[in-house]
Amino acid sequence: MRNIQIFELSQGGSGAVADESMADFAADVAWAMGQGAHIERFGFAEQPDEFARNAVVEDFVERSGYDALPLALVDGELAVAGRHPTRSELARWAGLAQPIPAGGCCSGGHCG
């Protein structure tokens, strides 16, 4: 199983939109972990040492600044920056079955 690491400024949010976005992302992470994905989340406000320990993250922050977070690594390599990964991305990176969109069907209307 691949190792997915998310580096964020904070694991909290600021304002209603941020709170909703963070809640959605937390639900996506919980879903993926429930399917067997290995995901670690690190908030700079809560775990600054994890940022310093990781050369990829340290280099990224040095070049782009903390405002460019969040940053997602898959097996230590940069996968996405500037936004949280989607549920589909988490599933793909972890080798999980792709989630079916809410109210949707992935088989052209022939679900079952």
Protein backbone atom coordinates (compact mmCIF):
# COMPACT_ATOMS: atom_id res chain seq x y z
CA MET A 1 0.00 0.00 0.00
CA ARG A 2 1.28 3.44 -0.87
CA ASN A 3 1.98 6.02 1.82
CA ILE A 4 0.02 9.27 1.45
CA GLN A 5 1.08 12.28 3.52
CA ILE A 6 -0.77 15.59 3.68
CA PHE A 7 1.07 18.67 4.95
CA GLU A 8 -1.21 21.57 5.87
CA LEU A 9 -0.79 24.95 7.50
CA SER A 10 -3.30 23.84 10.11
CA GLN A 11 -5.71 20.97 10.38
CA GLY A 12 -8.41 23.47 11.28
CA GLY A 13 -10.01 26.13 9.14
CA SER A 14 -10.94 29.77 9.14
CA GLY A 15 -14.52 30.73 8.41
CA ALA A 16 -17.59 28.80 7.28
CA VAL A 17 -16.29 27.95 3.79
CA ALA A 18 -12.96 26.71 5.16
CA ASP A 19 -14.76 24.72 7.86
CA GLU A 20 -16.99 23.05 5.26
CA SER A 21 -14.04 22.37 2.96
CA MET A 22 -12.01 20.90 5.84
CA ALA A 23 -14.98 18.79 6.93
CA ASP A 24 -15.38 17.47 3.38
CA PHE A 25 -11.66 16.66 3.17
CA ALA A 26 -11.71 15.00 6.60
CA ALA A 27 -14.63 12.85 5.41
CA ASP A 28 -12.68 11.91 2.26
CA VAL A 29 -9.65 10.93 4.35
CA ALA A 30 -11.82 8.91 6.75
CA TRP A 31 -13.47 7.14 3.80
CA ALA A 32 -10.12 6.26 2.20
CA MET A 33 -8.64 5.07 5.50
CA GLY A 34 -11.76 2.98 6.08
CA GLN A 35 -11.04 1.31 2.73
CA GLY A 36 -7.48 0.51 3.87
CA ALA A 37 -5.49 3.55 2.68
CA HIS A 38 -2.49 4.69 4.74
CA ILE A 39 -2.83 8.47 5.13
CA GLU A 40 -1.00 10.76 7.52
CA ARG A 41 -1.93 14.40 8.06
CA PHE A 42 0.49 16.96 9.46
CA GLY A 43 -0.47 20.51 10.43
CA PHE A 44 2.36 23.03 10.71
CA ALA A 45 0.65 24.65 13.69
CA GLU A 46 0.43 21.26 15.45
CA GLN A 47 3.52 19.37 14.15
CA PRO A 48 6.22 21.75 12.84
CA ASP A 49 8.96 19.12 13.33
CA GLU A 50 7.39 16.89 10.65
CA PHE A 51 7.84 19.70 8.11
CA ALA A 52 11.53 20.09 9.00
CA ARG A 53 12.14 16.32 8.83
CA ASN A 54 10.91 16.01 5.26
CA ALA A 55 13.30 17.40 2.60
CA VAL A 56 10.60 17.56 -0.11
CA VAL A 57 8.30 19.59 2.13
CA GLU A 58 11.11 21.79 3.42
CA ASP A 59 12.26 22.58 -0.15
CA PHE A 60 8.68 23.26 -1.29
CA VAL A 61 8.01 25.66 1.59
CA GLU A 62 11.35 27.41 1.02
CA ARG A 63 10.50 27.98 -2.66
CA SER A 64 6.76 28.62 -2.46
CA GLY A 65 6.06 29.66 1.13
CA TYR A 66 3.56 28.37 3.66
CA ASP A 67 0.68 30.04 1.82
CA ALA A 68 1.15 27.48 -0.98
CA LEU A 69 0.10 24.64 1.34
CA PRO A 70 -1.52 22.12 1.50
CA LEU A 71 0.87 19.67 -0.07
CA ALA A 72 0.27 15.97 -0.71
CA LEU A 73 3.08 13.44 -1.05
CA VAL A 74 2.66 9.88 -2.30
CA ASP A 75 5.54 7.61 -1.32
CA GLY A 76 7.61 10.72 -0.63
CA GLU A 77 7.01 12.37 -4.01
CA LEU A 78 5.00 15.53 -4.65
CA ALA A 79 1.53 14.61 -5.90
CA VAL A 80 -0.51 17.81 -5.48
CA ALA A 81 0.10 21.28 -4.05
CA GLY A 82 -2.05 24.30 -3.26
CA ARG A 83 -5.20 22.30 -2.54
CA HIS A 84 -6.35 19.18 -0.75
CA PRO A 85 -6.57 16.02 -2.83
CA THR A 86 -9.99 14.83 -3.91
CA ARG A 87 -11.56 11.55 -2.81
CA SER A 88 -10.90 10.17 -6.30
CA GLU A 89 -7.22 11.13 -6.09
CA LEU A 90 -6.86 9.53 -2.67
CA ALA A 91 -8.52 6.37 -3.99
CA ARG A 92 -6.30 6.25 -7.09
CA TRP A 93 -3.10 6.83 -5.14
CA ALA A 94 -4.04 4.17 -2.58
CA GLY A 95 -5.08 1.67 -5.25
CA LEU A 96 -8.71 1.63 -4.10
CA ALA A 97 -11.84 1.24 -6.20
CA GLN A 98 -12.97 4.64 -7.44
CA PRO A 99 -15.92 6.04 -5.46
CA ILE A 100 -19.26 6.41 -7.24
CA PRO A 101 -20.37 10.07 -7.24
CA ALA A 102 -23.37 10.88 -5.07
CA GLY A 103 -26.50 10.28 -7.13
CA GLY A 104 -24.36 8.94 -9.92
CA CYS A 105 -23.61 5.63 -11.47
CA CYS A 106 -20.38 4.58 -13.07
CA SER A 107 -21.86 2.08 -15.52
CA GLY A 108 -23.87 4.32 -17.84
CA GLY A 109 -27.09 3.90 -15.88
CA HIS A 110 -26.83 0.11 -15.59
CA CYS A 111 -26.13 -0.07 -11.86
CA GLY A 112 -26.73 -3.25 -10.08
